[in-house]
Amino acid sequence: MNPLKPAGAGPGPAFTVTFDGRPVRALPGQTVAAVLWAAGITSWRTTRVEGRPRGVFCGIGVCFDCLVTVNDRPNQRACLVPVRPGDVIGTQEGTGHAGADHEGACGGGDGHAG
């Protein structure tokens, strides 16, 4: 085997997921963040207090800027979660738990002031 020769590997067939109700093309092995970025979507969460937009910051699962809702499960790190055919992905507002967000919370819990 020659390590300088391409292996000829490629992704499997594309499939569709939805983001905030809109169909988005995905490839096997991509993370939610990679799919959203490839679709031109760079923000999919807002902070708890001030509603500031967030997307990928570190890209390796250390921070919590890329939190997203996947199949009704909030607080999923988009940079770590692999997409699957039919996934329903949504923008996460604040904590992702309706009614739990409130003014006066101590920052966004993501290393950034709210």
Protein backbone atom coordinates (compact mmCIF):
# COMPACT_ATOMS: atom_id res chain seq x y z
CA MET A 1 0.00 0.00 0.00
CA ASN A 2 1.34 3.38 -1.02
CA PRO A 3 0.39 6.07 1.56
CA LEU A 4 0.74 8.72 -1.13
CA LYS A 5 -2.00 7.19 -3.32
CA PRO A 6 -5.61 8.27 -2.64
CA ALA A 7 -7.63 5.53 -1.00
CA GLY A 8 -10.61 6.19 -3.25
CA ALA A 9 -12.94 6.46 -0.27
CA GLY A 10 -15.96 8.72 -0.44
CA PRO A 11 -19.07 9.49 1.58
CA GLY A 12 -22.24 7.47 1.18
CA PRO A 13 -25.30 8.93 -0.50
CA ALA A 14 -26.67 12.27 0.69
CA PHE A 15 -29.84 12.42 2.76
CA THR A 16 -32.09 15.13 4.17
CA VAL A 17 -32.50 16.52 7.66
CA THR A 18 -34.56 19.55 8.62
CA PHE A 19 -33.42 22.69 10.37
CA ASP A 20 -36.17 24.95 11.71
CA GLY A 21 -38.55 23.32 9.25
CA ARG A 22 -36.33 23.74 6.20
CA PRO A 23 -34.79 20.74 4.40
CA VAL A 24 -30.99 20.59 4.53
CA ARG A 25 -28.68 18.20 2.66
CA ALA A 26 -26.38 16.03 4.77
CA LEU A 27 -23.75 13.37 4.19
CA PRO A 28 -23.02 10.32 6.33
CA GLY A 29 -20.42 11.05 8.99
CA GLN A 30 -21.09 14.79 9.17
CA THR A 31 -21.87 16.43 12.47
CA VAL A 32 -24.86 18.71 12.89
CA ALA A 33 -22.49 21.70 12.90
CA ALA A 34 -20.84 20.60 9.63
CA VAL A 35 -24.23 20.18 7.96
CA LEU A 36 -25.44 23.59 9.11
CA TRP A 37 -22.22 25.34 8.10
CA ALA A 38 -22.30 23.69 4.67
CA ALA A 39 -25.85 25.05 4.27
CA GLY A 40 -24.65 28.57 5.13
CA ILE A 41 -26.19 28.56 8.61
CA THR A 42 -23.71 29.90 11.16
CA SER A 43 -25.91 30.62 14.18
CA TRP A 44 -28.39 28.20 15.78
CA ARG A 45 -28.60 29.16 19.44
CA THR A 46 -29.28 32.27 21.47
CA THR A 47 -27.95 33.08 24.92
CA ARG A 48 -30.31 32.94 27.89
CA VAL A 49 -30.32 36.54 29.00
CA GLU A 50 -29.73 38.77 26.00
CA GLY A 51 -30.64 36.44 23.14
CA ARG A 52 -27.29 36.83 21.40
CA PRO A 53 -26.65 34.46 18.47
CA ARG A 54 -24.18 31.61 18.84
CA GLY A 55 -22.83 28.84 16.61
CA VAL A 56 -19.56 26.92 16.54
CA PHE A 57 -16.78 28.37 18.68
CA CYS A 58 -14.30 25.61 19.54
CA GLY A 59 -15.61 22.84 17.28
CA ILE A 60 -14.35 20.06 19.57
CA GLY A 61 -16.97 19.81 22.30
CA VAL A 62 -15.19 21.86 24.96
CA CYS A 63 -17.42 24.93 24.98
CA PHE A 64 -21.20 25.05 24.81
CA ASP A 65 -21.74 27.72 22.14
CA CYS A 66 -23.04 25.27 19.55
CA LEU A 67 -25.97 23.88 21.55
CA VAL A 68 -28.90 22.88 19.38
CA THR A 69 -32.11 20.88 19.70
CA VAL A 70 -32.06 17.53 17.88
CA ASN A 71 -35.23 15.44 17.70
CA ASP A 72 -36.77 17.43 20.59
CA ARG A 73 -33.68 16.93 22.79
CA PRO A 74 -32.22 20.33 23.81
CA ASN A 75 -28.60 21.03 24.71
CA GLN A 76 -26.99 18.81 22.08
CA ARG A 77 -23.50 19.94 21.04
CA ALA A 78 -23.76 20.38 17.26
CA CYS A 79 -20.03 19.85 16.82
CA LEU A 80 -20.24 16.34 18.34
CA VAL A 81 -23.62 14.95 17.27
CA PRO A 82 -23.57 13.00 13.99
CA VAL A 83 -26.60 13.59 11.76
CA ARG A 84 -28.89 10.75 10.82
CA PRO A 85 -31.47 10.63 8.04
CA GLY A 86 -34.66 12.37 9.09
CA ASP A 87 -33.19 14.26 12.05
CA VAL A 88 -35.20 17.30 13.08
CA ILE A 89 -32.80 20.04 14.18
CA GLY A 90 -33.92 23.32 15.68
CA THR A 91 -32.52 26.60 16.91
CA GLN A 92 -32.14 26.49 20.66
CA GLU A 93 -33.53 29.51 22.47
CA GLY A 94 -31.77 30.08 25.81
CA THR A 95 -31.64 26.89 27.86
CA GLY A 96 -33.81 24.96 25.41
CA HIS A 97 -36.43 24.35 28.07
CA ALA A 98 -39.52 26.46 27.37
CA GLY A 99 -40.52 28.51 30.40
CA ALA A 100 -37.23 27.90 32.20
CA ASP A 101 -35.51 30.94 30.74
CA HIS A 102 -35.79 34.15 32.71
CA GLU A 103 -34.20 37.57 32.91
CA GLY A 104 -31.63 37.96 35.61
CA ALA A 105 -30.04 34.57 35.02
CA CYS A 106 -26.31 34.68 35.61
CA GLY A 107 -24.96 34.77 32.07
CA GLY A 108 -25.32 32.29 29.26
CA GLY A 109 -23.57 29.36 30.94
CA ASP A 110 -21.32 29.26 27.90
CA GLY A 111 -18.37 31.35 28.95
CA HIS A 112 -19.93 34.51 27.59
CA ALA A 113 -21.89 37.09 29.53
CA GLY A 114 -25.51 36.67 28.53
